[in-house]
PDB file of N, CA and C in Angstrom:
ATOM      1  N   MET A   1     -25.976 -68.255 -13.984  1.00  0.00           N
ATOM      2  CA  MET A   1     -24.966 -68.809 -13.080  1.00  0.00           C
ATOM      3  C   MET A   1     -23.853 -68.072 -14.122  1.00  0.00           C
ATOM      4  N   LYS A   2     -22.388 -68.453 -13.624  1.00  0.00           N
ATOM      5  CA  LYS A   2     -21.603 -68.340 -14.263  1.00  0.00           C
ATOM      6  C   LYS A   2     -20.566 -69.590 -13.809  1.00  0.00           C
ATOM      7  N   HIS A   3     -19.535 -69.994 -14.720  1.00  0.00           N
ATOM      8  CA  HIS A   3     -18.951 -71.074 -14.828  1.00  0.00           C
ATOM      9  C   HIS A   3     -16.855 -71.112 -15.526  1.00  0.00           C
ATOM     10  N   PHE A   4     -16.528 -71.306 -14.797  1.00  0.00           N
ATOM     11  CA  PHE A   4     -15.437 -71.390 -15.104  1.00  0.00           C
ATOM     12  C   PHE A   4     -14.403 -73.042 -15.159  1.00  0.00           C
ATOM     13  N   GLU A   5     -13.685 -73.301 -16.073  1.00  0.00           N
ATOM     14  CA  GLU A   5     -12.884 -74.703 -15.398  1.00  0.00           C
ATOM     15  C   GLU A   5     -10.915 -74.534 -15.318  1.00  0.00           C
ATOM     16  N   THR A   6     -10.234 -74.898 -14.627  1.00  0.00           N
ATOM     17  CA  THR A   6      -8.879 -74.810 -14.637  1.00  0.00           C
ATOM     18  C   THR A   6      -8.773 -76.261 -14.955  1.00  0.00           C
ATOM     19  N   VAL A   7      -7.508 -76.716 -15.804  1.00  0.00           N
ATOM     20  CA  VAL A   7      -6.958 -77.910 -15.786  1.00  0.00           C
ATOM     21  C   VAL A   7      -5.299 -78.087 -15.114  1.00  0.00           C
ATOM     22  N   THR A   8      -4.895 -78.634 -14.869  1.00  0.00           N
ATOM     23  CA  THR A   8      -4.096 -78.834 -14.108  1.00  0.00           C
ATOM     24  C   THR A   8      -2.933 -80.314 -14.178  1.00  0.00           C
ATOM     25  N   PRO A   9      -2.333 -80.444 -15.323  1.00  0.00           N
ATOM     26  CA  PRO A   9      -0.960 -81.241 -14.884  1.00  0.00           C
ATOM     27  C   PRO A   9      -0.355 -81.411 -13.554  1.00  0.00           C
ATOM     28  N   ILE A  10      -0.253 -82.163 -13.009  1.00  0.00           N
ATOM     29  CA  ILE A  10       0.776 -82.283 -11.221  1.00  0.00           C
ATOM     30  C   ILE A  10       1.361 -83.785 -11.568  1.00  0.00           C
ATOM     31  N   ALA A  11       2.994 -83.704 -11.541  1.00  0.00           N
ATOM     32  CA  ALA A  11       3.826 -85.105 -11.352  1.00  0.00           C
ATOM     33  C   ALA A  11       3.363 -85.559  -9.694  1.00  0.00           C
ATOM     34  N   ALA A  12       2.443 -86.098  -9.464  1.00  0.00           N
ATOM     35  CA  ALA A  12       2.023 -86.362  -8.523  1.00  0.00           C
ATOM     36  C   ALA A  12       0.700 -87.824  -8.609  1.00  0.00           C
ATOM     37  N   PRO A  13       0.615 -88.847  -7.993  1.00  0.00           N
ATOM     38  CA  PRO A  13      -0.698 -89.685  -8.130  1.00  0.00           C
ATOM     39  C   PRO A  13      -1.492 -88.604  -7.821  1.00  0.00           C
ATOM     40  N   PRO A  14      -2.837 -89.608  -8.263  1.00  0.00           N
ATOM     41  CA  PRO A  14      -4.005 -89.060  -7.690  1.00  0.00           C
ATOM     42  C   PRO A  14      -4.473 -88.868  -5.971  1.00  0.00           C
ATOM     43  N   ALA A  15      -4.484 -90.252  -5.404  1.00  0.00           N
ATOM     44  CA  ALA A  15      -4.142 -90.493  -4.584  1.00  0.00           C
ATOM     45  C   ALA A  15      -3.816 -88.899  -3.264  1.00  0.00           C
ATOM     46  N   VAL A  16      -2.363 -88.722  -3.705  1.00  0.00           N
ATOM     47  CA  VAL A  16      -1.637 -87.646  -3.030  1.00  0.00           C
ATOM     48  C   VAL A  16      -1.786 -86.373  -3.210  1.00  0.00           C
ATOM     49  N   VAL A  17      -2.430 -86.307  -4.559  1.00  0.00           N
ATOM     50  CA  VAL A  17      -3.360 -84.711  -4.536  1.00  0.00           C
ATOM     51  C   VAL A  17      -4.367 -84.438  -4.359  1.00  0.00           C
ATOM     52  N   PHE A  18      -5.836 -85.284  -4.461  1.00  0.00           N
ATOM     53  CA  PHE A  18      -6.535 -85.956  -3.777  1.00  0.00           C
ATOM     54  C   PHE A  18      -6.345 -85.262  -2.006  1.00  0.00           C
ATOM     55  N   ASP A  19      -5.181 -85.976  -1.394  1.00  0.00           N
ATOM     56  CA  ASP A  19      -5.094 -85.085   0.311  1.00  0.00           C
ATOM     57  C   ASP A  19      -4.838 -84.112   0.103  1.00  0.00           C
ATOM     58  N   LEU A  20      -3.711 -83.904  -0.666  1.00  0.00           N
ATOM     59  CA  LEU A  20      -3.224 -81.903  -0.111  1.00  0.00           C
ATOM     60  C   LEU A  20      -4.389 -80.929  -0.263  1.00  0.00           C
ATOM     61  N   SER A  21      -5.411 -81.170  -1.713  1.00  0.00           N
ATOM     62  CA  SER A  21      -5.996 -80.673  -2.069  1.00  0.00           C
ATOM     63  C   SER A  21      -6.892 -80.501  -0.696  1.00  0.00           C
ATOM     64  N   LEU A  22      -7.115 -81.659  -0.274  1.00  0.00           N
ATOM     65  CA  LEU A  22      -8.483 -81.383   1.255  1.00  0.00           C
ATOM     66  C   LEU A  22      -7.540 -80.727   2.291  1.00  0.00           C
ATOM     67  N   ASP A  23      -6.106 -80.665   2.407  1.00  0.00           N
ATOM     68  CA  ASP A  23      -5.540 -79.989   3.448  1.00  0.00           C
ATOM     69  C   ASP A  23      -5.809 -78.525   3.637  1.00  0.00           C
ATOM     70  N   VAL A  24      -6.612 -78.007   4.965  1.00  0.00           N
ATOM     71  CA  VAL A  24      -6.728 -76.270   5.184  1.00  0.00           C
ATOM     72  C   VAL A  24      -4.961 -76.126   5.875  1.00  0.00           C
ATOM     73  N   ASP A  25      -4.364 -76.786   6.168  1.00  0.00           N
ATOM     74  CA  ASP A  25      -2.989 -76.200   6.274  1.00  0.00           C
ATOM     75  C   ASP A  25      -2.155 -75.615   4.965  1.00  0.00           C
ATOM     76  N   LEU A  26      -2.029 -76.505   4.056  1.00  0.00           N
ATOM     77  CA  LEU A  26      -1.716 -76.409   2.831  1.00  0.00           C
ATOM     78  C   LEU A  26      -2.035 -74.838   2.245  1.00  0.00           C
ATOM     79  N   HIS A  27      -3.544 -75.090   2.583  1.00  0.00           N
ATOM     80  CA  HIS A  27      -4.339 -73.860   1.143  1.00  0.00           C
ATOM     81  C   HIS A  27      -4.118 -72.216   2.253  1.00  0.00           C
ATOM     82  N   THR A  28      -4.209 -72.530   3.351  1.00  0.00           N
ATOM     83  CA  THR A  28      -3.645 -71.064   4.393  1.00  0.00           C
ATOM     84  C   THR A  28      -2.631 -70.367   4.144  1.00  0.00           C
ATOM     85  N   ALA A  29      -1.560 -71.641   3.906  1.00  0.00           N
ATOM     86  CA  ALA A  29       0.267 -71.214   3.978  1.00  0.00           C
ATOM     87  C   ALA A  29       0.215 -70.578   1.929  1.00  0.00           C
ATOM     88  N   SER A  30      -0.678 -71.409   1.399  1.00  0.00           N
ATOM     89  CA  SER A  30      -0.579 -70.934  -0.325  1.00  0.00           C
ATOM     90  C   SER A  30      -1.507 -69.584  -0.239  1.00  0.00           C
ATOM     91  N   MET A  31      -2.153 -69.056   0.641  1.00  0.00           N
ATOM     92  CA  MET A  31      -3.161 -67.836   0.216  1.00  0.00           C
ATOM     93  C   MET A  31      -2.397 -66.719   1.192  1.00  0.00           C
ATOM     94  N   ALA A  32      -1.489 -67.108   2.052  1.00  0.00           N
ATOM     95  CA  ALA A  32      -0.702 -66.261   2.984  1.00  0.00           C
ATOM     96  C   ALA A  32      -0.446 -64.353   2.904  1.00  0.00           C
ATOM     97  N   ARG A  33      -1.140 -64.081   1.079  1.00  0.00           N
ATOM     98  CA  ARG A  33      -0.558 -62.866   0.612  1.00  0.00           C
ATOM     99  C   ARG A  33      -1.566 -62.333   0.981  1.00  0.00           C
ATOM    100  N   SER A  34      -2.894 -63.208   0.882  1.00  0.00           N
ATOM    101  CA  SER A  34      -4.140 -62.463   0.938  1.00  0.00           C
ATOM    102  C   SER A  34      -4.431 -62.275   2.476  1.00  0.00           C
ATOM    103  N   GLY A  35      -4.105 -62.872   3.157  1.00  0.00           N
ATOM    104  CA  GLY A  35      -4.286 -63.101   4.794  1.00  0.00           C
ATOM    105  C   GLY A  35      -5.700 -63.752   4.871  1.00  0.00           C
ATOM    106  N   GLU A  36      -5.535 -64.756   4.382  1.00  0.00           N
ATOM    107  CA  GLU A  36      -6.528 -65.795   4.649  1.00  0.00           C
ATOM    108  C   GLU A  36      -6.639 -66.668   5.383  1.00  0.00           C
ATOM    109  N   ARG A  37      -7.632 -66.790   6.628  1.00  0.00           N
ATOM    110  CA  ARG A  37      -7.207 -67.276   7.522  1.00  0.00           C
ATOM    111  C   ARG A  37      -8.660 -68.056   8.061  1.00  0.00           C
ATOM    112  N   ILE A  38      -8.473 -69.347   8.760  1.00  0.00           N
ATOM    113  CA  ILE A  38      -9.580 -69.749   9.253  1.00  0.00           C
ATOM    114  C   ILE A  38     -10.249 -69.272  10.543  1.00  0.00           C
ATOM    115  N   ILE A  39     -11.709 -69.180  10.522  1.00  0.00           N
ATOM    116  CA  ILE A  39     -11.953 -68.945  11.756  1.00  0.00           C
ATOM    117  C   ILE A  39     -13.353 -69.630  12.171  1.00  0.00           C
ATOM    118  N   GLY A  40     -13.366 -70.674  11.589  1.00  0.00           N
ATOM    119  CA  GLY A  40     -14.240 -71.334  12.126  1.00  0.00           C
ATOM    120  C   GLY A  40     -14.241 -72.795  11.747  1.00  0.00           C
ATOM    121  N   GLY A  41     -15.262 -73.665  12.299  1.00  0.00           N
ATOM    122  CA  GLY A  41     -14.444 -75.611  11.447  1.00  0.00           C
ATOM    123  C   GLY A  41     -13.523 -75.864  11.820  1.00  0.00           C
ATOM    124  N   VAL A  42     -13.288 -76.899  10.660  1.00  0.00           N
ATOM    125  CA  VAL A  42     -11.831 -77.649  10.588  1.00  0.00           C
ATOM    126  C   VAL A  42     -10.998 -76.776  10.341  1.00  0.00           C
ATOM    127  N   HIS A  43      -9.787 -76.430  11.363  1.00  0.00           N
ATOM    128  CA  HIS A  43      -8.405 -75.826  11.727  1.00  0.00           C
ATOM    129  C   HIS A  43      -7.465 -75.893  10.995  1.00  0.00           C
ATOM    130  N   THR A  44      -7.375 -77.632  11.272  1.00  0.00           N
ATOM    131  CA  THR A  44      -5.806 -77.823  11.026  1.00  0.00           C
ATOM    132  C   THR A  44      -6.383 -79.049   9.803  1.00  0.00           C
ATOM    133  N   GLY A  45      -5.503 -79.878   9.438  1.00  0.00           N
ATOM    134  CA  GLY A  45      -5.265 -80.949   9.033  1.00  0.00           C
ATOM    135  C   GLY A  45      -6.355 -80.959   7.834  1.00  0.00           C
ATOM    136  N   ARG A  46      -6.277 -82.446   7.300  1.00  0.00           N
ATOM    137  CA  ARG A  46      -7.115 -82.895   6.393  1.00  0.00           C
ATOM    138  C   ARG A  46      -8.981 -82.962   6.397  1.00  0.00           C
ATOM    139  N   MET A  47      -9.740 -82.299   5.456  1.00  0.00           N
ATOM    140  CA  MET A  47     -11.285 -82.091   5.111  1.00  0.00           C
ATOM    141  C   MET A  47     -11.589 -83.555   5.095  1.00  0.00           C
ATOM    142  N   ALA A  48     -12.851 -83.669   5.432  1.00  0.00           N
ATOM    143  CA  ALA A  48     -13.338 -85.294   4.546  1.00  0.00           C
ATOM    144  C   ALA A  48     -15.351 -84.543   4.596  1.00  0.00           C
ATOM    145  N   LEU A  49     -16.060 -85.693   4.306  1.00  0.00           N
ATOM    146  CA  LEU A  49     -17.350 -85.280   4.055  1.00  0.00           C
ATOM    147  C   LEU A  49     -18.065 -84.772   5.002  1.00  0.00           C
ATOM    148  N   GLY A  50     -18.966 -84.001   4.825  1.00  0.00           N
ATOM    149  CA  GLY A  50     -19.421 -83.447   5.951  1.00  0.00           C
ATOM    150  C   GLY A  50     -18.781 -82.347   6.902  1.00  0.00           C
ATOM    151  N   ASP A  51     -17.405 -82.056   6.425  1.00  0.00           N
ATOM    152  CA  ASP A  51     -16.557 -80.920   7.430  1.00  0.00           C
ATOM    153  C   ASP A  51     -17.168 -79.861   6.750  1.00  0.00           C
ATOM    154  N   HIS A  52     -17.060 -79.071   7.366  1.00  0.00           N
ATOM    155  CA  HIS A  52     -17.005 -77.175   7.876  1.00  0.00           C
ATOM    156  C   HIS A  52     -16.084 -76.144   7.729  1.00  0.00           C
ATOM    157  N   VAL A  53     -15.643 -75.295   6.592  1.00  0.00           N
ATOM    158  CA  VAL A  53     -14.185 -74.337   7.209  1.00  0.00           C
ATOM    159  C   VAL A  53     -15.065 -73.051   7.025  1.00  0.00           C
ATOM    160  N   THR A  54     -14.683 -71.976   7.862  1.00  0.00           N
ATOM    161  CA  THR A  54     -15.185 -70.650   8.125  1.00  0.00           C
ATOM    162  C   THR A  54     -13.929 -70.154   7.311  1.00  0.00           C
ATOM    163  N   TRP A  55     -14.011 -69.749   6.223  1.00  0.00           N
ATOM    164  CA  TRP A  55     -12.460 -68.673   5.810  1.00  0.00           C
ATOM    165  C   TRP A  55     -12.454 -67.131   5.946  1.00  0.00           C
ATOM    166  N   GLU A  56     -11.765 -66.078   6.139  1.00  0.00           N
ATOM    167  CA  GLU A  56     -11.752 -64.820   6.105  1.00  0.00           C
ATOM    168  C   GLU A  56     -10.762 -64.168   5.670  1.00  0.00           C
ATOM    169  N   ALA A  57     -11.014 -63.457   4.960  1.00  0.00           N
ATOM    170  CA  ALA A  57      -9.983 -62.582   3.927  1.00  0.00           C
ATOM    171  C   ALA A  57     -10.087 -61.262   3.488  1.00  0.00           C
ATOM    172  N   ARG A  58      -9.420 -60.922   3.215  1.00  0.00           N
ATOM    173  CA  ARG A  58      -9.205 -59.158   2.244  1.00  0.00           C
ATOM    174  C   ARG A  58      -8.811 -59.902   0.361  1.00  0.00           C
ATOM    175  N   HIS A  59      -9.840 -59.713  -0.512  1.00  0.00           N
ATOM    176  CA  HIS A  59      -9.750 -59.199  -1.178  1.00  0.00           C
ATOM    177  C   HIS A  59      -9.969 -58.751  -2.111  1.00  0.00           C
ATOM    178  N   PHE A  60      -9.280 -57.949  -3.345  1.00  0.00           N
ATOM    179  CA  PHE A  60      -9.559 -57.046  -3.923  1.00  0.00           C
ATOM    180  C   PHE A  60      -9.834 -55.183  -2.904  1.00  0.00           C
ATOM    181  N   GLY A  61      -9.278 -55.046  -1.797  1.00  0.00           N
ATOM    182  CA  GLY A  61      -9.788 -54.673  -0.950  1.00  0.00           C
ATOM    183  C   GLY A  61     -11.123 -54.884   0.211  1.00  0.00           C
ATOM    184  N   ILE A  62     -11.731 -55.537  -0.009  1.00  0.00           N
ATOM    185  CA  ILE A  62     -12.756 -55.966   0.706  1.00  0.00           C
ATOM    186  C   ILE A  62     -12.441 -57.429   1.301  1.00  0.00           C
ATOM    187  N   LYS A  63     -13.094 -57.110   2.980  1.00  0.00           N
ATOM    188  CA  LYS A  63     -12.984 -58.571   3.797  1.00  0.00           C
ATOM    189  C   LYS A  63     -13.828 -58.853   3.902  1.00  0.00           C
ATOM    190  N   TRP A  64     -13.719 -60.074   3.642  1.00  0.00           N
ATOM    191  CA  TRP A  64     -15.700 -61.269   3.478  1.00  0.00           C
ATOM    192  C   TRP A  64     -14.607 -62.322   4.645  1.00  0.00           C
ATOM    193  N   ARG A  65     -16.181 -63.220   4.317  1.00  0.00           N
ATOM    194  CA  ARG A  65     -16.023 -64.617   4.909  1.00  0.00           C
ATOM    195  C   ARG A  65     -16.875 -65.688   4.169  1.00  0.00           C
ATOM    196  N   MET A  66     -16.249 -66.650   3.984  1.00  0.00           N
ATOM    197  CA  MET A  66     -17.113 -67.459   3.236  1.00  0.00           C
ATOM    198  C   MET A  66     -16.716 -69.452   3.903  1.00  0.00           C
ATOM    199  N   THR A  67     -18.049 -69.578   4.546  1.00  0.00           N
ATOM    200  CA  THR A  67     -18.002 -71.056   5.146  1.00  0.00           C
ATOM    201  C   THR A  67     -18.550 -71.802   4.115  1.00  0.00           C
ATOM    202  N   SER A  68     -17.639 -72.954   4.184  1.00  0.00           N
ATOM    203  CA  SER A  68     -18.091 -73.941   2.734  1.00  0.00           C
ATOM    204  C   SER A  68     -18.091 -75.512   3.644  1.00  0.00           C
ATOM    205  N   CYS A  69     -18.591 -76.266   2.886  1.00  0.00           N
ATOM    206  CA  CYS A  69     -18.638 -77.610   3.097  1.00  0.00           C
ATOM    207  C   CYS A  69     -18.503 -78.862   2.497  1.00  0.00           C
ATOM    208  N   ILE A  70     -17.635 -79.618   2.585  1.00  0.00           N
ATOM    209  CA  ILE A  70     -17.394 -80.270   1.758  1.00  0.00           C
ATOM    210  C   ILE A  70     -19.079 -81.914   1.637  1.00  0.00           C
ATOM    211  N   SER A  71     -19.573 -81.617   0.044  1.00  0.00           N
ATOM    212  CA  SER A  71     -20.401 -81.957   0.087  1.00  0.00           C
ATOM    213  C   SER A  71     -20.605 -83.526  -0.839  1.00  0.00           C
ATOM    214  N   ALA A  72     -19.825 -83.631  -1.246  1.00  0.00           N
ATOM    215  CA  ALA A  72     -19.531 -84.366  -2.289  1.00  0.00           C
ATOM    216  C   ALA A  72     -17.954 -85.089  -1.898  1.00  0.00           C
ATOM    217  N   TYR A  73     -17.835 -86.769  -2.120  1.00  0.00           N
ATOM    218  CA  TYR A  73     -16.251 -87.407  -1.475  1.00  0.00           C
ATOM    219  C   TYR A  73     -16.549 -88.758  -2.355  1.00  0.00           C
ATOM    220  N   GLU A  74     -14.915 -88.737  -3.321  1.00  0.00           N
ATOM    221  CA  GLU A  74     -15.118 -89.508  -3.560  1.00  0.00           C
ATOM    222  C   GLU A  74     -13.992 -90.316  -4.085  1.00  0.00           C
ATOM    223  N   LYS A  75     -12.735 -90.451  -2.815  1.00  0.00           N
ATOM    224  CA  LYS A  75     -11.102 -90.809  -3.012  1.00  0.00           C
ATOM    225  C   LYS A  75     -11.125 -91.748  -3.654  1.00  0.00           C
ATOM    226  N   PRO A  76     -10.083 -91.657  -4.574  1.00  0.00           N
ATOM    227  CA  PRO A  76      -9.005 -90.456  -4.841  1.00  0.00           C
ATOM    228  C   PRO A  76      -9.639 -89.668  -5.984  1.00  0.00           C
ATOM    229  N   GLY A  77     -11.092 -89.677  -6.560  1.00  0.00           N
ATOM    230  CA  GLY A  77     -11.124 -89.267  -7.639  1.00  0.00           C
ATOM    231  C   GLY A  77     -11.528 -88.072  -7.878  1.00  0.00           C
ATOM    232  N   SER A  78     -12.442 -87.454  -6.513  1.00  0.00           N
ATOM    233  CA  SER A  78     -12.830 -86.009  -6.656  1.00  0.00           C
ATOM    234  C   SER A  78     -13.697 -85.913  -5.504  1.00  0.00           C
ATOM    235  N   PHE A  79     -14.018 -84.424  -5.257  1.00  0.00           N
ATOM    236  CA  PHE A  79     -14.764 -84.241  -4.437  1.00  0.00           C
ATOM    237  C   PHE A  79     -15.070 -83.056  -5.040  1.00  0.00           C
ATOM    238  N   VAL A  80     -16.229 -82.354  -3.657  1.00  0.00           N
ATOM    239  CA  VAL A  80     -17.496 -80.580  -3.955  1.00  0.00           C
ATOM    240  C   VAL A  80     -16.830 -79.954  -2.665  1.00  0.00           C
ATOM    241  N   ASP A  81     -16.818 -78.594  -3.027  1.00  0.00           N
ATOM    242  CA  ASP A  81     -17.054 -78.194  -1.571  1.00  0.00           C
ATOM    243  C   ASP A  81     -17.937 -77.073  -2.328  1.00  0.00           C
ATOM    244  N   GLU A  82     -18.784 -76.413  -1.041  1.00  0.00           N
ATOM    245  CA  GLU A  82     -19.367 -75.325  -1.848  1.00  0.00           C
ATOM    246  C   GLU A  82     -20.305 -74.408  -0.744  1.00  0.00           C
ATOM    247  N   GLN A  83     -20.246 -73.174  -0.810  1.00  0.00           N
ATOM    248  CA  GLN A  83     -20.717 -72.502   0.173  1.00  0.00           C
ATOM    249  C   GLN A  83     -21.457 -72.708   0.702  1.00  0.00           C
ATOM    250  N   VAL A  84     -21.525 -72.459   1.901  1.00  0.00           N
ATOM    251  CA  VAL A  84     -23.143 -72.362   2.673  1.00  0.00           C
ATOM    252  C   VAL A  84     -23.864 -71.066   3.462  1.00  0.00           C
ATOM    253  N   ALA A  85     -22.324 -70.379   3.653  1.00  0.00           N
ATOM    254  CA  ALA A  85     -22.641 -68.971   4.104  1.00  0.00           C
ATOM    255  C   ALA A  85     -21.902 -68.079   3.252  1.00  0.00           C
ATOM    256  N   GLY A  86     -21.823 -67.150   3.084  1.00  0.00           N
ATOM    257  CA  GLY A  86     -21.162 -66.133   2.325  1.00  0.00           C
ATOM    258  C   GLY A  86     -21.222 -65.034   1.344  1.00  0.00           C
ATOM    259  N   PRO A  87     -20.276 -64.657   0.442  1.00  0.00           N
ATOM    260  CA  PRO A  87     -20.502 -63.589  -0.659  1.00  0.00           C
ATOM    261  C   PRO A  87     -20.927 -63.888  -1.191  1.00  0.00           C
ATOM    262  N   PHE A  88     -21.219 -65.035  -2.262  1.00  0.00           N
ATOM    263  CA  PHE A  88     -21.794 -65.388  -3.253  1.00  0.00           C
ATOM    264  C   PHE A  88     -23.435 -65.811  -2.868  1.00  0.00           C
ATOM    265  N   ARG A  89     -24.430 -65.914  -4.071  1.00  0.00           N
ATOM    266  CA  ARG A  89     -25.280 -66.863  -4.078  1.00  0.00           C
ATOM    267  C   ARG A  89     -25.371 -68.282  -4.427  1.00  0.00           C
ATOM    268  N   ARG A  90     -24.556 -68.401  -5.118  1.00  0.00           N
ATOM    269  CA  ARG A  90     -23.973 -69.900  -4.820  1.00  0.00           C
ATOM    270  C   ARG A  90     -23.043 -69.907  -5.257  1.00  0.00           C
ATOM    271  N   TRP A  91     -21.893 -70.703  -4.782  1.00  0.00           N
ATOM    272  CA  TRP A  91     -20.588 -71.154  -5.100  1.00  0.00           C
ATOM    273  C   TRP A  91     -20.094 -72.646  -5.135  1.00  0.00           C
ATOM    274  N   HIS A  92     -20.634 -73.070  -5.797  1.00  0.00           N
ATOM    275  CA  HIS A  92     -19.918 -75.160  -5.957  1.00  0.00           C
ATOM    276  C   HIS A  92     -18.537 -75.418  -6.951  1.00  0.00           C
ATOM    277  N   HIS A  93     -18.035 -76.107  -6.504  1.00  0.00           N
ATOM    278  CA  HIS A  93     -16.062 -76.257  -7.026  1.00  0.00           C
ATOM    279  C   HIS A  93     -16.422 -77.443  -6.706  1.00  0.00           C
ATOM    280  N   THR A  94     -16.451 -78.357  -8.092  1.00  0.00           N
ATOM    281  CA  THR A  94     -16.030 -79.706  -8.084  1.00  0.00           C
ATOM    282  C   THR A  94     -14.795 -79.807  -8.419  1.00  0.00           C
ATOM    283  N   HIS A  95     -13.427 -80.448  -7.667  1.00  0.00           N
ATOM    284  CA  HIS A  95     -12.360 -80.763  -7.790  1.00  0.00           C
ATOM    285  C   HIS A  95     -12.570 -82.460  -8.364  1.00  0.00           C
ATOM    286  N   ARG A  96     -11.643 -82.592  -9.905  1.00  0.00           N
ATOM    287  CA  ARG A  96     -11.666 -84.108 -10.654  1.00  0.00           C
ATOM    288  C   ARG A  96     -10.071 -84.329 -10.557  1.00  0.00           C
ATOM    289  N   PHE A  97      -9.981 -85.690  -9.957  1.00  0.00           N
ATOM    290  CA  PHE A  97      -7.960 -85.985 -10.293  1.00  0.00           C
ATOM    291  C   PHE A  97      -8.461 -87.758 -11.478  1.00  0.00           C
ATOM    292  N   VAL A  98      -7.533 -87.474 -12.898  1.00  0.00           N
ATOM    293  CA  VAL A  98      -7.799 -87.942 -13.703  1.00  0.00           C
ATOM    294  C   VAL A  98      -6.181 -88.409 -13.348  1.00  0.00           C
ATOM    295  N   PRO A  99      -5.700 -89.820 -13.525  1.00  0.00           N
ATOM    296  CA  PRO A  99      -4.365 -90.248 -13.902  1.00  0.00           C
ATOM    297  C   PRO A  99      -3.854 -90.082 -15.255  1.00  0.00           C
ATOM    298  N   ASP A 100      -2.694 -89.902 -15.363  1.00  0.00           N
ATOM    299  CA  ASP A 100      -2.565 -89.337 -16.555  1.00  0.00           C
ATOM    300  C   ASP A 100      -1.656 -90.443 -17.256  1.00  0.00           C
ATOM    301  N   GLY A 101      -1.792 -91.652 -17.024  1.00  0.00           N
ATOM    302  CA  GLY A 101      -1.319 -92.602 -17.376  1.00  0.00           C
ATOM    303  C   GLY A 101       0.707 -92.700 -17.539  1.00  0.00           C
ATOM    304  N   ARG A 102       0.955 -91.864 -16.805  1.00  0.00           N
ATOM    305  CA  ARG A 102       2.116 -91.615 -16.327  1.00  0.00           C
ATOM    306  C   ARG A 102       3.060 -91.295 -14.687  1.00  0.00           C
ATOM    307  N   GLY A 103       1.805 -91.996 -13.757  1.00  0.00           N
ATOM    308  CA  GLY A 103       1.967 -91.488 -12.466  1.00  0.00           C
ATOM    309  C   GLY A 103       1.888 -90.458 -12.132  1.00  0.00           C
ATOM    310  N   GLY A 104       1.352 -89.740 -12.596  1.00  0.00           N
ATOM    311  CA  GLY A 104       1.152 -88.554 -12.577  1.00  0.00           C
ATOM    312  C   GLY A 104      -0.755 -87.783 -12.733  1.00  0.00           C
ATOM    313  N   THR A 105      -1.154 -86.620 -12.199  1.00  0.00           N
ATOM    314  CA  THR A 105      -2.166 -86.231 -12.169  1.00  0.00           C
ATOM    315  C   THR A 105      -2.904 -85.011 -12.770  1.00  0.00           C
ATOM    316  N   VAL A 106      -4.166 -85.582 -13.662  1.00  0.00           N
ATOM    317  CA  VAL A 106      -4.744 -83.883 -14.678  1.00  0.00           C
ATOM    318  C   VAL A 106      -5.572 -83.752 -13.604  1.00  0.00           C
ATOM    319  N   MET A 107      -5.507 -82.471 -12.506  1.00  0.00           N
ATOM    320  CA  MET A 107      -6.618 -82.039 -11.956  1.00  0.00           C
ATOM    321  C   MET A 107      -7.413 -81.064 -12.777  1.00  0.00           C
ATOM    322  N   HIS A 108      -8.663 -81.163 -13.057  1.00  0.00           N
ATOM    323  CA  HIS A 108      -9.821 -80.477 -13.121  1.00  0.00           C
ATOM    324  C   HIS A 108     -10.574 -79.905 -11.896  1.00  0.00           C
ATOM    325  N   ASP A 109     -10.872 -79.009 -12.167  1.00  0.00           N
ATOM    326  CA  ASP A 109     -11.210 -77.875 -10.884  1.00  0.00           C
ATOM    327  C   ASP A 109     -12.745 -76.893 -12.033  1.00  0.00           C
ATOM    328  N   GLU A 110     -13.925 -77.683 -11.702  1.00  0.00           N
ATOM    329  CA  GLU A 110     -14.528 -77.044 -12.264  1.00  0.00           C
ATOM    330  C   GLU A 110     -15.310 -75.691 -10.986  1.00  0.00           C
ATOM    331  N   ILE A 111     -15.513 -75.005 -11.253  1.00  0.00           N
ATOM    332  CA  ILE A 111     -16.315 -73.546 -10.465  1.00  0.00           C
ATOM    333  C   ILE A 111     -18.095 -72.974 -11.244  1.00  0.00           C
ATOM    334  N   GLN A 112     -18.799 -72.934 -10.316  1.00  0.00           N
ATOM    335  CA  GLN A 112     -19.971 -72.489 -10.949  1.00  0.00           C
ATOM    336  C   GLN A 112     -20.561 -71.695  -9.804  1.00  0.00           C
ATOM    337  N   PHE A 113     -20.600 -70.206  -9.994  1.00  0.00           N
ATOM    338  CA  PHE A 113     -21.003 -69.716  -9.075  1.00  0.00           C
ATOM    339  C   PHE A 113     -21.790 -68.391  -9.510  1.00  0.00           C
ATOM    340  N   ALA A 114     -22.935 -68.111  -8.472  1.00  0.00           N
ATOM    341  CA  ALA A 114     -23.415 -66.545  -8.980  1.00  0.00           C
ATOM    342  C   ALA A 114     -23.602 -65.376  -7.623  1.00  0.00           C
ATOM    343  N   ALA A 115     -23.131 -64.260  -8.453  1.00  0.00           N
ATOM    344  CA  ALA A 115     -22.711 -63.039  -7.911  1.00  0.00           C
ATOM    345  C   ALA A 115     -23.859 -62.658  -6.936  1.00  0.00           C
ATOM    346  N   PRO A 116     -24.372 -62.162  -6.027  1.00  0.00           N
ATOM    347  CA  PRO A 116     -24.520 -62.284  -4.795  1.00  0.00           C
ATOM    348  C   PRO A 116     -25.478 -61.261  -5.230  1.00  0.00           C
ATOM    349  N   PHE A 117     -25.766 -59.688  -6.320  1.00  0.00           N
ATOM    350  CA  PHE A 117     -26.891 -59.400  -6.758  1.00  0.00           C
ATOM    351  C   PHE A 117     -27.306 -59.680  -8.601  1.00  0.00           C
ATOM    352  N   GLY A 118     -26.563 -60.582  -8.980  1.00  0.00           N
ATOM    353  CA  GLY A 118     -27.052 -60.900 -10.599  1.00  0.00           C
ATOM    354  C   GLY A 118     -26.096 -60.925 -11.089  1.00  0.00           C
TER     355      GLY A 118
END
């Protein structure tokens, strides 16, 4: 299984960053170049524990669909989204929001995934 992590400083409090990270409208707007769109599940607003969304997009010339679920949720510290159907054998994305001590947030994104064919 592969793993990578990104760390991003953000000049906003953790509760704000947490809420914006779960907003499907914001995600859709940020992915407009790939034509990513919602075709099932939560279509607007903020996702919560147990919510599902199905995305359709074209990346690297390939059209794909992925359904993910919010499987863990601890506001404002962290949440997890993971694939329940889609192109990966496994996709597990942990989002953590840590106060930076100056009113902002350090966002940690940890992704564990397995390709469909090993």
